[in-house]
Amino acid sequence: MALTGNIIADAIAGNPSSINYTMFVAVFSMLCLFYLILVAFKEDFAIHPLIPVILDALNTLFFFAAGVALAARLHVHSCSNQVRATLFARLHQ
């Protein structure tokens, strides 16, 4: 969340939708986390027993989609440790 927030803060002419989506996923997961912590300590907060499972499934799906979106935006083709400044400069366009 902090890295995405810094990218958004440093942007001069707006952000790509993949960056905005990644920030949405981070905020959504934090809100779900607060709810899921309450449910873990007291099950009376769960309106229906499937809501925590559905929220976990949504978090998994959203995080996977955000990872794929960022990888596609950066044109990542492998998991090597070579960092190219030109790839990261595209985030600020």
Protein backbone atom coordinates (compact mmCIF):
# COMPACT_ATOMS: atom_id res chain seq x y z
CA MET A 1 0.00 0.00 0.00
CA ALA A 2 2.83 2.39 0.84
CA LEU A 3 4.69 1.81 -2.43
CA THR A 4 1.53 2.30 -4.47
CA GLY A 5 0.69 5.41 -2.48
CA ASN A 6 4.14 6.85 -3.19
CA ILE A 7 3.74 6.16 -6.90
CA ILE A 8 0.40 7.98 -6.84
CA ALA A 9 1.86 10.88 -4.85
CA ASP A 10 4.83 11.29 -7.21
CA ALA A 11 2.75 11.21 -10.38
CA ILE A 12 2.66 14.46 -12.30
CA ALA A 13 0.00 13.90 -14.95
CA GLY A 14 -2.29 11.27 -13.45
CA ASN A 15 -1.92 7.55 -12.93
CA PRO A 16 -2.52 4.50 -15.07
CA SER A 17 -5.56 2.45 -14.17
CA SER A 18 -3.41 -0.47 -13.02
CA ILE A 19 -1.88 1.69 -10.27
CA ASN A 20 -5.29 2.95 -9.17
CA TYR A 21 -6.64 -0.60 -9.14
CA THR A 22 -3.71 -1.76 -6.99
CA MET A 23 -4.48 0.97 -4.47
CA PHE A 24 -8.14 -0.06 -4.46
CA VAL A 25 -7.13 -3.66 -3.72
CA ALA A 26 -4.92 -2.55 -0.83
CA VAL A 27 -7.70 -0.45 0.73
CA PHE A 28 -10.29 -3.18 0.17
CA SER A 29 -8.09 -5.77 1.84
CA MET A 30 -7.47 -3.50 4.84
CA LEU A 31 -11.21 -2.98 5.31
CA CYS A 32 -11.79 -6.72 5.02
CA LEU A 33 -9.00 -7.33 7.51
CA PHE A 34 -10.68 -5.16 10.15
CA TYR A 35 -13.94 -7.06 9.68
CA LEU A 36 -12.25 -10.47 9.65
CA ILE A 37 -10.35 -9.72 12.87
CA LEU A 38 -13.63 -8.87 14.59
CA VAL A 39 -15.21 -12.07 13.31
CA ALA A 40 -12.20 -14.12 14.45
CA PHE A 41 -12.60 -12.92 18.04
CA LYS A 42 -16.39 -12.93 18.19
CA GLU A 43 -18.42 -14.92 15.70
CA ASP A 44 -21.56 -12.91 16.42
CA PHE A 45 -20.25 -10.17 14.09
CA ALA A 46 -20.52 -12.54 11.14
CA ILE A 47 -23.95 -11.94 9.63
CA HIS A 48 -23.70 -15.17 7.66
CA PRO A 49 -21.08 -17.91 8.08
CA LEU A 50 -20.03 -17.69 4.42
CA ILE A 51 -19.18 -13.97 4.45
CA PRO A 52 -15.59 -14.46 5.74
CA VAL A 53 -14.98 -17.16 3.13
CA ILE A 54 -16.35 -14.93 0.36
CA LEU A 55 -14.21 -12.00 1.51
CA ASP A 56 -11.10 -14.20 1.53
CA ALA A 57 -11.93 -15.44 -1.97
CA LEU A 58 -12.44 -11.87 -3.21
CA ASN A 59 -9.14 -10.78 -1.67
CA THR A 60 -7.35 -13.66 -3.35
CA LEU A 61 -8.91 -12.87 -6.73
CA PHE A 62 -8.29 -9.12 -6.46
CA PHE A 63 -4.64 -9.53 -5.40
CA PHE A 64 -3.97 -11.96 -8.22
CA ALA A 65 -5.56 -9.58 -10.74
CA ALA A 66 -3.54 -6.65 -9.35
CA GLY A 67 -0.31 -8.63 -9.65
CA VAL A 68 -1.07 -9.57 -13.23
CA ALA A 69 -2.05 -5.98 -14.07
CA LEU A 70 1.18 -4.56 -12.66
CA ALA A 71 3.29 -7.21 -14.38
CA ALA A 72 1.57 -6.44 -17.68
CA ARG A 73 2.04 -2.70 -17.16
CA LEU A 74 5.77 -3.16 -16.49
CA HIS A 75 6.15 -5.63 -19.40
CA VAL A 76 7.68 -8.20 -17.06
CA HIS A 77 8.61 -11.39 -18.87
CA SER A 78 10.60 -13.31 -16.24
CA CYS A 79 11.41 -13.40 -12.54
CA SER A 80 15.07 -12.48 -12.88
CA ASN A 81 16.63 -9.89 -10.61
CA GLN A 82 17.60 -7.47 -13.37
CA VAL A 83 16.12 -4.03 -12.76
CA ARG A 84 15.73 -1.66 -15.67
CA ALA A 85 15.05 1.98 -14.94
CA THR A 86 13.10 2.40 -18.14
CA LEU A 87 10.50 -0.12 -17.05
CA PHE A 88 9.88 1.65 -13.75
CA ALA A 89 9.78 5.03 -15.45
CA ARG A 90 6.62 3.92 -17.29
CA LEU A 91 4.71 4.03 -14.02
CA HIS A 92 5.04 7.80 -13.94
CA GLN A 93 3.69 8.40 -17.42
